[in-house]
Amino acid sequence: MNTSVEKREFKIERYGLEAVPKELRQTKWYEYASLQAAFAVNAGNFLVPAFAVLQGGLSVMSAIVSTTIGATLAFWLVSFLSLPGAQHGIPAQFAIRSILGIKGTQWVSSPIRSITSLYWFSVQVIGGAYVVQEVVVHSFGWYVPFALITLLLSSIMILLSLIGFDAVKSVTRKFFPVLLIGQVVMIILFVQSDAFTTTDLSSSTSSSFLTMSFFASLAFMQYVSGVSAASDMTRYAKSTKHGFYGVLVGNVWGFLVTAVLGAFSAVLFQHVNPYVAAMSLTTSKWLIAFILLCTLLSMISINLSNAYTGSLSLLNSFPALGRIKAALLFGVFALILSMLPQLVNEAKTYIALLGAFIIPLSAVIVTDFLWIKKKQIDLISLTQKNRSMNKIAFFHLFIGIILYFTIPESISPGFMTFLFISLSYGLSYRWLTKQKNNANV
């Protein structure tokens, strides 16, 4: 009887900043792997592999290899930052309090994470709405207003994220086989196309190590920001190993599929979205409808993650809200932003602005957790009021923002900033700590 009551209550997740009870931490590594793989294959993630071909002039193989290496390095760091969630059952931004201090996370780190999740949520919805509108008009002759599509898509994803992790896991698990079939269908359509037989897949205008390194660094920068949200999902992991390897395997596997589809779409059809390219290769309305369904499912999968992690970050800034109200408030902002197409039209400007804060912040978080704290979280510091802010960290955040806008774009300012801040913060923190200890002696 008690078990059934617990299950009914858990239909809407109420665990906010507090630790998830140990008996509920039962998610296995292969469940996380399928979860992360489902998140990976979406329109936003195709861009870097596709641009490596279209703008970088790399061959298909060079584009796939370089971007996968960069992404894998980022996923390795993200997997390490998932450990606090798996070990203690706490969300990411709450765990990061031990690194940046309570006020530091509440008023700097968590707002940056929330805004990042809001932005990518709205971009995915807007992009998906445009695809739906265009395909429905051209293939079926029906006109559906853009605002209606965005409202419907946003509402579905916000409702599911409100229910919580169980909804994210359950829905994504049901989506995963459909997404796999969709990926196979797209590859078959690509291989059977005239372009596949007439295009030299090994040709390239640039195969230099510097070009490959540049696109590897872009892939790294795109995914390393996940360190500030990694523990949100793994707080339900059966163990730290299940969380770590599930996140790592799923992310790498998912990105490899993404890179293959993105690179082939770019070289064969000069298009950055394989879903759209695949739909142009068939006249079957049923097949078009199926690929469109896969497009929507991929968008819903990643946005469940965006909404879930974004609302937990908002909760860390305003703990009095509780998880339900924080999720609803995030949903309101997400609905509003999803009605603003300029977020996509001016994406380069917004991404650059977000990157200026995200990159140095991610560098500090990674360095502190792996180098300074040796992968251990001080649980006492999560609630101690006297540990308000890590001043060394925020000094380096300020320096990192300046560096990000100063370094020329040709040498990947994000990657260079990440490396510099990681080294500078680690050495500075260790030196200052040593000086303080010597003074106390």
Protein backbone atom coordinates (compact mmCIF):
# COMPACT_ATOMS: atom_id res chain seq x y z
CA MET A 1 0.00 0.00 0.00
CA ASN A 2 2.80 2.39 0.87
CA THR A 3 4.50 1.65 -2.43
CA SER A 4 1.43 2.52 -4.48
CA VAL A 5 0.99 5.79 -2.58
CA GLU A 6 4.60 6.73 -3.26
CA LYS A 7 4.12 5.99 -6.94
CA ARG A 8 1.00 8.14 -7.17
CA GLU A 9 2.74 11.03 -5.42
CA PHE A 10 5.73 10.73 -7.71
CA LYS A 11 3.68 11.35 -10.85
CA ILE A 12 4.65 14.99 -10.40
CA GLU A 13 8.21 15.17 -9.11
CA ARG A 14 8.58 17.27 -5.99
CA TYR A 15 12.27 16.80 -5.27
CA GLY A 16 13.92 20.16 -5.70
CA LEU A 17 17.25 21.01 -4.07
CA GLU A 18 17.00 18.22 -1.52
CA ALA A 19 18.60 14.85 -2.23
CA VAL A 20 16.56 12.23 -4.04
CA PRO A 21 15.96 9.29 -1.64
CA LYS A 22 18.33 6.41 -2.23
CA GLU A 23 15.54 3.93 -2.94
CA LEU A 24 14.51 6.01 -5.98
CA ARG A 25 18.01 6.04 -7.47
CA GLN A 26 17.56 3.03 -9.75
CA THR A 27 18.34 4.31 -13.27
CA LYS A 28 20.93 2.09 -14.98
CA TRP A 29 23.74 3.11 -17.34
CA TYR A 30 22.05 1.84 -20.50
CA GLU A 31 18.93 3.87 -19.65
CA TYR A 32 21.09 6.98 -19.39
CA ALA A 33 22.86 6.03 -22.62
CA SER A 34 19.59 5.85 -24.57
CA LEU A 35 18.40 9.03 -22.87
CA GLN A 36 21.48 11.04 -23.85
CA ALA A 37 21.59 9.54 -27.35
CA ALA A 38 17.99 10.62 -27.90
CA PHE A 39 18.86 14.15 -26.74
CA ALA A 40 21.82 14.35 -29.14
CA VAL A 41 20.30 13.99 -32.61
CA ASN A 42 18.58 17.34 -33.16
CA ALA A 43 18.74 20.29 -35.53
CA GLY A 44 21.01 22.40 -33.31
CA ASN A 45 23.63 19.67 -33.00
CA PHE A 46 23.97 19.11 -36.76
CA LEU A 47 25.42 22.58 -37.28
CA VAL A 48 29.10 22.14 -36.35
CA PRO A 49 29.68 18.91 -38.38
CA ALA A 50 27.78 20.43 -41.33
CA PHE A 51 29.72 23.71 -41.17
CA ALA A 52 32.98 21.76 -40.97
CA VAL A 53 32.15 20.59 -44.51
CA LEU A 54 30.40 23.67 -45.91
CA GLN A 55 32.55 26.43 -44.40
CA GLY A 56 35.70 24.59 -43.35
CA GLY A 57 36.05 22.63 -46.58
CA LEU A 58 36.77 19.37 -44.74
CA SER A 59 35.99 15.97 -46.22
CA VAL A 60 33.16 13.95 -44.68
CA MET A 61 35.56 11.74 -42.74
CA SER A 62 37.70 14.65 -41.51
CA ALA A 63 34.58 16.53 -40.38
CA ILE A 64 33.21 13.51 -38.51
CA VAL A 65 36.53 12.65 -36.84
CA SER A 66 37.50 16.19 -35.79
CA THR A 67 34.11 17.18 -34.37
CA THR A 68 33.66 13.83 -32.62
CA ILE A 69 37.04 14.18 -30.91
CA GLY A 70 36.17 17.68 -29.68
CA ALA A 71 32.72 16.65 -28.51
CA THR A 72 34.05 13.51 -26.78
CA LEU A 73 36.51 15.59 -24.75
CA ALA A 74 33.63 17.82 -23.61
CA PHE A 75 31.43 14.79 -22.80
CA TRP A 76 34.24 13.30 -20.73
CA LEU A 77 34.26 16.44 -18.55
CA VAL A 78 30.44 16.52 -18.43
CA SER A 79 30.43 12.90 -17.22
CA PHE A 80 32.81 13.76 -14.38
CA LEU A 81 30.55 16.63 -13.33
CA SER A 82 27.63 14.20 -13.22
CA LEU A 83 29.24 12.46 -10.23
CA PRO A 84 27.80 14.72 -7.48
CA GLY A 85 24.27 13.96 -8.68
CA ALA A 86 24.85 10.20 -8.78
CA GLN A 87 26.69 10.17 -5.43
CA HIS A 88 24.49 12.47 -3.38
CA GLY A 89 21.20 12.71 -5.33
CA ILE A 90 21.41 16.51 -5.63
CA PRO A 91 20.94 18.77 -8.69
CA ALA A 92 23.89 20.38 -10.47
CA GLN A 93 23.57 24.00 -9.43
CA PHE A 94 23.07 23.02 -5.78
CA ALA A 95 26.28 20.94 -5.95
CA ILE A 96 28.14 23.84 -7.58
CA ARG A 97 27.50 25.88 -4.42
CA SER A 98 30.53 24.09 -2.96
CA ILE A 99 32.61 25.59 -5.78
CA LEU A 100 31.24 29.10 -6.26
CA GLY A 101 29.56 29.68 -2.91
CA ILE A 102 25.84 30.03 -2.19
CA LYS A 103 25.46 33.59 -3.44
CA GLY A 104 27.78 32.90 -6.34
CA THR A 105 25.54 30.17 -7.70
CA GLN A 106 22.24 31.85 -6.81
CA TRP A 107 22.99 35.16 -8.52
CA VAL A 108 25.53 34.29 -11.22
CA SER A 109 25.87 30.62 -12.14
CA SER A 110 22.21 29.57 -11.88
CA PRO A 111 20.85 32.58 -13.84
CA ILE A 112 23.39 31.90 -16.61
CA ARG A 113 22.30 28.24 -16.72
CA SER A 114 18.61 29.19 -16.70
CA ILE A 115 19.04 31.75 -19.49
CA THR A 116 21.07 29.27 -21.54
CA SER A 117 18.37 26.61 -21.19
CA LEU A 118 15.65 29.15 -22.02
CA TYR A 119 17.48 30.31 -25.12
CA TRP A 120 18.11 26.84 -26.53
CA PHE A 121 14.57 25.75 -25.63
CA SER A 122 13.10 28.63 -27.63
CA VAL A 123 15.53 28.15 -30.55
CA GLN A 124 14.57 24.47 -30.82
CA VAL A 125 10.85 25.32 -30.74
CA ILE A 126 11.15 28.13 -33.29
CA GLY A 127 13.25 26.01 -35.65
CA GLY A 128 10.88 23.07 -35.29
CA ALA A 129 7.83 25.26 -35.85
CA TYR A 130 9.27 26.62 -39.11
CA VAL A 131 9.97 23.10 -40.38
CA VAL A 132 6.47 21.92 -39.44
CA GLN A 133 4.82 24.92 -41.07
CA GLU A 134 6.83 24.60 -44.30
CA VAL A 135 6.39 20.84 -44.68
CA VAL A 136 2.68 20.87 -43.91
CA VAL A 137 2.05 23.65 -46.46
CA HIS A 138 4.12 22.12 -49.27
CA SER A 139 3.21 18.48 -48.71
CA PHE A 140 -0.36 18.63 -47.49
CA GLY A 141 -1.56 22.11 -48.52
CA TRP A 142 -2.56 23.08 -44.98
CA TYR A 143 -1.56 26.43 -43.46
CA VAL A 144 -1.04 26.37 -39.70
CA PRO A 145 -0.19 29.69 -37.96
CA PHE A 146 3.36 29.87 -36.58
CA ALA A 147 2.18 31.08 -33.15
CA LEU A 148 -0.21 28.13 -32.82
CA ILE A 149 2.54 25.62 -33.60
CA THR A 150 4.99 27.14 -31.10
CA LEU A 151 2.29 27.34 -28.42
CA LEU A 152 1.35 23.70 -28.89
CA LEU A 153 4.94 22.40 -28.99
CA SER A 154 6.08 24.49 -26.01
CA SER A 155 3.08 23.50 -23.90
CA ILE A 156 3.63 19.78 -24.46
CA MET A 157 7.31 19.96 -23.50
CA ILE A 158 6.72 22.18 -20.47
CA LEU A 159 3.99 19.88 -19.19
CA LEU A 160 6.23 16.83 -19.49
CA SER A 161 9.17 18.56 -17.79
CA LEU A 162 6.82 19.68 -15.01
CA ILE A 163 6.01 16.04 -14.26
CA GLY A 164 9.72 15.48 -13.77
CA PHE A 165 12.50 12.97 -14.42
CA ASP A 166 10.18 9.99 -14.75
CA ALA A 167 8.36 11.72 -17.60
CA VAL A 168 11.64 12.65 -19.29
CA LYS A 169 12.93 9.09 -19.00
CA SER A 170 9.66 7.40 -19.96
CA VAL A 171 8.86 9.61 -22.94
CA THR A 172 12.40 9.53 -24.28
CA ARG A 173 12.54 5.73 -23.92
CA LYS A 174 9.40 5.46 -26.05
CA PHE A 175 10.79 7.95 -28.59
CA PHE A 176 14.16 6.24 -28.93
CA PRO A 177 13.17 3.30 -31.21
CA VAL A 178 11.27 5.68 -33.51
CA LEU A 179 14.29 8.00 -33.69
CA LEU A 180 16.58 5.07 -34.49
CA ILE A 181 14.31 3.94 -37.32
CA GLY A 182 14.16 7.54 -38.59
CA GLN A 183 17.96 7.75 -38.65
CA VAL A 184 18.19 4.50 -40.62
CA VAL A 185 15.54 5.76 -43.06
CA MET A 186 17.47 9.00 -43.63
CA ILE A 187 20.73 7.12 -44.27
CA ILE A 188 18.95 4.84 -46.78
CA LEU A 189 17.48 7.86 -48.58
CA PHE A 190 20.94 9.49 -48.70
CA VAL A 191 22.62 6.35 -50.05
CA GLN A 192 19.93 5.82 -52.72
CA SER A 193 20.06 9.43 -53.91
CA ASP A 194 21.69 10.51 -57.18
CA ALA A 195 23.97 12.82 -55.20
CA PHE A 196 25.53 9.89 -53.37
CA THR A 197 26.72 8.25 -56.60
CA THR A 198 27.97 11.48 -58.21
CA THR A 199 29.67 13.12 -55.21
CA ASP A 200 33.27 12.43 -54.23
CA LEU A 201 32.96 12.01 -50.46
CA SER A 202 36.72 12.18 -49.93
CA SER A 203 37.14 15.52 -51.70
CA SER A 204 37.96 18.60 -49.63
CA THR A 205 39.29 22.12 -50.06
CA SER A 206 41.04 21.99 -46.71
CA SER A 207 42.36 19.08 -44.69
CA SER A 208 44.88 20.95 -42.58
CA PHE A 209 45.42 20.08 -38.95
CA LEU A 210 44.54 23.67 -37.97
CA THR A 211 41.15 23.51 -39.68
CA MET A 212 40.32 20.18 -38.05
CA SER A 213 41.48 21.54 -34.69
CA PHE A 214 39.29 24.61 -35.12
CA PHE A 215 36.13 22.59 -35.67
CA ALA A 216 37.08 20.16 -32.91
CA SER A 217 37.29 23.15 -30.57
CA LEU A 218 33.89 24.42 -31.75
CA ALA A 219 32.33 21.04 -30.92
CA PHE A 220 34.07 21.08 -27.53
CA MET A 221 32.71 24.55 -26.77
CA GLN A 222 29.18 23.61 -27.77
CA TYR A 223 28.97 20.77 -25.24
CA VAL A 224 31.26 21.68 -22.35
CA SER A 225 28.58 24.01 -20.94
CA GLY A 226 26.78 20.81 -19.93
CA VAL A 227 29.04 20.60 -16.87
CA SER A 228 26.74 23.08 -15.11
CA ALA A 229 23.70 20.80 -15.53
CA ALA A 230 25.16 17.27 -15.64
CA SER A 231 24.05 16.20 -12.16
CA ASP A 232 20.40 17.09 -12.75
CA MET A 233 19.76 13.82 -14.58
CA THR A 234 22.18 11.52 -12.73
CA ARG A 235 20.67 12.21 -9.30
CA TYR A 236 18.46 9.19 -10.11
CA ALA A 237 21.43 6.94 -11.05
CA LYS A 238 21.83 3.55 -9.42
CA SER A 239 25.52 4.33 -8.75
CA THR A 240 28.23 6.77 -9.80
CA LYS A 241 29.46 4.28 -12.43
CA HIS A 242 25.99 3.93 -13.92
CA GLY A 243 25.68 7.71 -14.11
CA PHE A 244 29.19 8.39 -15.43
CA TYR A 245 29.34 5.71 -18.12
CA GLY A 246 25.71 6.10 -19.13
CA VAL A 247 26.14 9.82 -19.77
CA LEU A 248 29.49 9.32 -21.54
CA VAL A 249 28.43 6.43 -23.79
CA GLY A 250 25.09 8.00 -24.68
CA ASN A 251 26.55 11.39 -25.50
CA VAL A 252 29.41 10.05 -27.63
CA TRP A 253 27.18 7.57 -29.44
CA GLY A 254 24.51 10.22 -30.06
CA PHE A 255 27.00 12.77 -31.33
CA LEU A 256 28.68 10.28 -33.67
CA VAL A 257 25.30 9.62 -35.34
CA THR A 258 24.70 13.38 -35.42
CA ALA A 259 28.09 14.04 -37.02
CA VAL A 260 27.56 11.37 -39.68
CA LEU A 261 24.12 12.68 -40.64
CA GLY A 262 25.20 16.34 -40.53
CA ALA A 263 28.36 15.83 -42.59
CA PHE A 264 26.62 13.70 -45.24
CA SER A 265 23.72 16.14 -45.51
CA ALA A 266 26.21 18.98 -46.03
CA VAL A 267 28.37 17.29 -48.65
CA LEU A 268 25.52 15.68 -50.61
CA PHE A 269 22.85 18.39 -50.48
CA GLN A 270 24.59 21.49 -49.05
CA HIS A 271 22.00 21.50 -46.26
CA VAL A 272 22.70 21.72 -42.51
CA ASN A 273 19.53 19.84 -41.47
CA PRO A 274 19.44 16.15 -42.50
CA TYR A 275 15.74 15.90 -41.63
CA VAL A 276 14.85 18.58 -44.17
CA ALA A 277 17.27 17.13 -46.74
CA ALA A 278 15.77 13.65 -46.33
CA MET A 279 12.21 14.94 -46.78
CA SER A 280 13.21 16.52 -50.09
CA LEU A 281 14.30 13.09 -51.40
CA THR A 282 10.88 11.45 -51.35
CA THR A 283 7.41 12.15 -52.68
CA SER A 284 5.70 9.75 -50.30
CA LYS A 285 3.51 11.73 -47.94
CA TRP A 286 3.66 8.90 -45.40
CA LEU A 287 7.44 8.90 -45.42
CA ILE A 288 7.54 12.71 -45.21
CA ALA A 289 5.12 12.57 -42.28
CA PHE A 290 7.29 9.96 -40.54
CA ILE A 291 10.49 12.00 -40.95
CA LEU A 292 8.60 15.08 -39.76
CA LEU A 293 7.52 13.08 -36.70
CA CYS A 294 11.16 12.17 -36.04
CA THR A 295 12.10 15.85 -36.35
CA LEU A 296 9.52 16.77 -33.72
CA LEU A 297 10.47 13.89 -31.42
CA SER A 298 14.15 14.86 -31.53
CA MET A 299 13.23 18.45 -30.66
CA ILE A 300 10.94 17.37 -27.83
CA SER A 301 13.65 15.09 -26.40
CA ILE A 302 16.30 17.80 -26.13
CA ASN A 303 13.81 20.36 -24.87
CA LEU A 304 12.63 18.10 -22.08
CA SER A 305 16.22 18.24 -20.87
CA ASN A 306 16.43 22.03 -21.37
CA ALA A 307 13.21 22.67 -19.45
CA TYR A 308 14.01 20.23 -16.65
CA THR A 309 17.56 21.48 -16.00
CA GLY A 310 16.61 25.13 -16.56
CA SER A 311 13.83 25.02 -13.96
CA LEU A 312 16.16 23.38 -11.40
CA SER A 313 18.67 26.19 -11.95
CA LEU A 314 15.89 28.73 -11.44
CA LEU A 315 14.94 26.92 -8.24
CA ASN A 316 18.50 27.24 -6.93
CA SER A 317 18.24 31.03 -7.36
CA PHE A 318 14.82 31.16 -5.68
CA PRO A 319 14.53 28.13 -3.33
CA ALA A 320 11.29 29.41 -1.82
CA LEU A 321 9.49 28.71 -5.11
CA GLY A 322 9.66 24.95 -4.81
CA ARG A 323 10.16 22.71 -7.83
CA ILE A 324 6.62 22.94 -9.20
CA LYS A 325 6.41 26.74 -9.17
CA ALA A 326 9.95 27.02 -10.54
CA ALA A 327 9.02 24.71 -13.43
CA LEU A 328 5.85 26.71 -14.14
CA LEU A 329 7.72 30.02 -14.05
CA PHE A 330 10.37 28.65 -16.41
CA GLY A 331 7.54 27.50 -18.66
CA VAL A 332 6.01 30.97 -18.80
CA PHE A 333 9.32 32.52 -19.87
CA ALA A 334 9.89 29.70 -22.37
CA LEU A 335 6.47 30.26 -23.98
CA ILE A 336 7.14 33.98 -24.36
CA LEU A 337 10.60 33.53 -25.88
CA SER A 338 9.35 30.84 -28.25
CA MET A 339 7.20 33.49 -29.92
CA LEU A 340 10.27 35.56 -30.90
CA PRO A 341 11.76 34.36 -34.23
CA GLN A 342 14.57 36.92 -33.99
CA LEU A 343 16.23 34.60 -31.45
CA VAL A 344 17.02 32.34 -34.40
CA ASN A 345 17.60 35.06 -36.97
CA GLU A 346 20.23 36.70 -34.75
CA ALA A 347 21.51 33.47 -33.23
CA LYS A 348 25.20 34.22 -33.79
CA THR A 349 25.01 37.36 -31.64
CA TYR A 350 23.13 35.66 -28.81
CA ILE A 351 25.34 32.58 -28.82
CA ALA A 352 28.46 34.77 -28.66
CA LEU A 353 27.06 36.68 -25.69
CA LEU A 354 26.11 33.49 -23.85
CA GLY A 355 29.50 31.95 -24.63
CA ALA A 356 31.34 34.86 -23.04
CA PHE A 357 29.86 33.86 -19.67
CA ILE A 358 29.45 30.12 -20.13
CA ILE A 359 33.01 29.30 -21.22
CA PRO A 360 35.01 30.83 -18.34
CA LEU A 361 32.37 29.68 -15.85
CA SER A 362 32.60 26.11 -17.16
CA ALA A 363 36.41 26.28 -16.96
CA VAL A 364 36.27 27.29 -13.30
CA ILE A 365 33.72 24.59 -12.43
CA VAL A 366 35.69 21.82 -14.18
CA THR A 367 39.05 22.88 -12.73
CA ASP A 368 37.76 23.30 -9.19
CA PHE A 369 35.92 19.97 -9.11
CA LEU A 370 38.61 17.86 -10.80
CA TRP A 371 41.83 19.56 -9.67
CA ILE A 372 41.06 21.43 -6.45
CA LYS A 373 38.39 19.21 -4.91
CA LYS A 374 39.59 15.91 -6.40
CA LYS A 375 36.01 15.00 -7.46
CA GLN A 376 34.62 15.38 -3.92
CA ILE A 377 31.78 17.70 -2.86
CA ASP A 378 31.73 19.29 0.60
CA LEU A 379 28.07 18.84 1.56
CA ILE A 380 28.35 21.17 4.56
CA SER A 381 29.31 24.10 2.33
CA LEU A 382 26.03 23.73 0.39
CA THR A 383 24.04 25.31 3.22
CA GLN A 384 26.64 27.28 5.22
CA LYS A 385 25.72 30.95 5.02
CA ASN A 386 29.24 32.18 5.76
CA ARG A 387 30.61 30.75 2.51
CA SER A 388 28.89 33.26 0.28
CA MET A 389 31.10 33.64 -2.80
CA ASN A 390 34.34 32.31 -4.29
CA LYS A 391 36.02 35.62 -5.15
CA ILE A 392 38.92 33.98 -6.99
CA ALA A 393 36.45 32.19 -9.27
CA PHE A 394 34.55 35.35 -10.15
CA PHE A 395 37.74 37.31 -10.75
CA HIS A 396 38.64 34.68 -13.35
CA LEU A 397 35.12 34.80 -14.76
CA PHE A 398 35.62 38.55 -15.36
CA ILE A 399 39.04 37.97 -16.96
CA GLY A 400 37.59 35.19 -19.09
CA ILE A 401 34.84 37.43 -20.48
CA ILE A 402 37.45 40.00 -21.55
CA LEU A 403 39.63 37.31 -23.14
CA TYR A 404 36.67 35.81 -24.99
CA PHE A 405 35.96 39.08 -26.79
CA THR A 406 39.66 39.90 -27.29
CA ILE A 407 41.00 36.71 -28.87
CA PRO A 408 40.56 36.62 -32.70
CA GLU A 409 37.76 34.38 -33.94
CA SER A 410 40.18 32.55 -36.26
CA ILE A 411 41.91 30.84 -33.30
CA SER A 412 38.74 29.80 -31.44
CA PRO A 413 38.36 32.29 -28.57
CA GLY A 414 36.12 29.92 -26.63
CA PHE A 415 38.64 27.08 -26.57
CA MET A 416 41.61 29.36 -25.84
CA THR A 417 39.69 31.11 -23.05
CA PHE A 418 38.72 27.77 -21.52
CA LEU A 419 42.35 26.57 -21.49
CA PHE A 420 43.74 29.82 -20.09
CA ILE A 421 41.13 30.20 -17.33
CA SER A 422 41.44 26.53 -16.33
CA LEU A 423 45.20 26.82 -15.88
CA SER A 424 45.15 30.32 -14.36
CA TYR A 425 42.35 29.55 -11.87
CA GLY A 426 43.87 26.26 -10.79
CA LEU A 427 47.33 27.71 -10.18
CA SER A 428 46.00 30.88 -8.52
CA TYR A 429 43.70 28.99 -6.18
CA ARG A 430 46.44 26.57 -5.14
CA TRP A 431 48.98 29.37 -4.60
CA LEU A 432 46.60 31.56 -2.58
CA THR A 433 45.49 28.62 -0.47
CA LYS A 434 49.13 27.75 0.24
CA GLN A 435 49.90 31.35 1.22
CA LYS A 436 46.88 31.42 3.54
CA ASN A 437 47.88 28.17 5.21
CA ASN A 438 51.46 29.39 5.69
CA ALA A 439 50.17 32.62 7.25
CA ASN A 440 48.03 30.67 9.71
CA VAL A 441 51.05 28.58 10.71
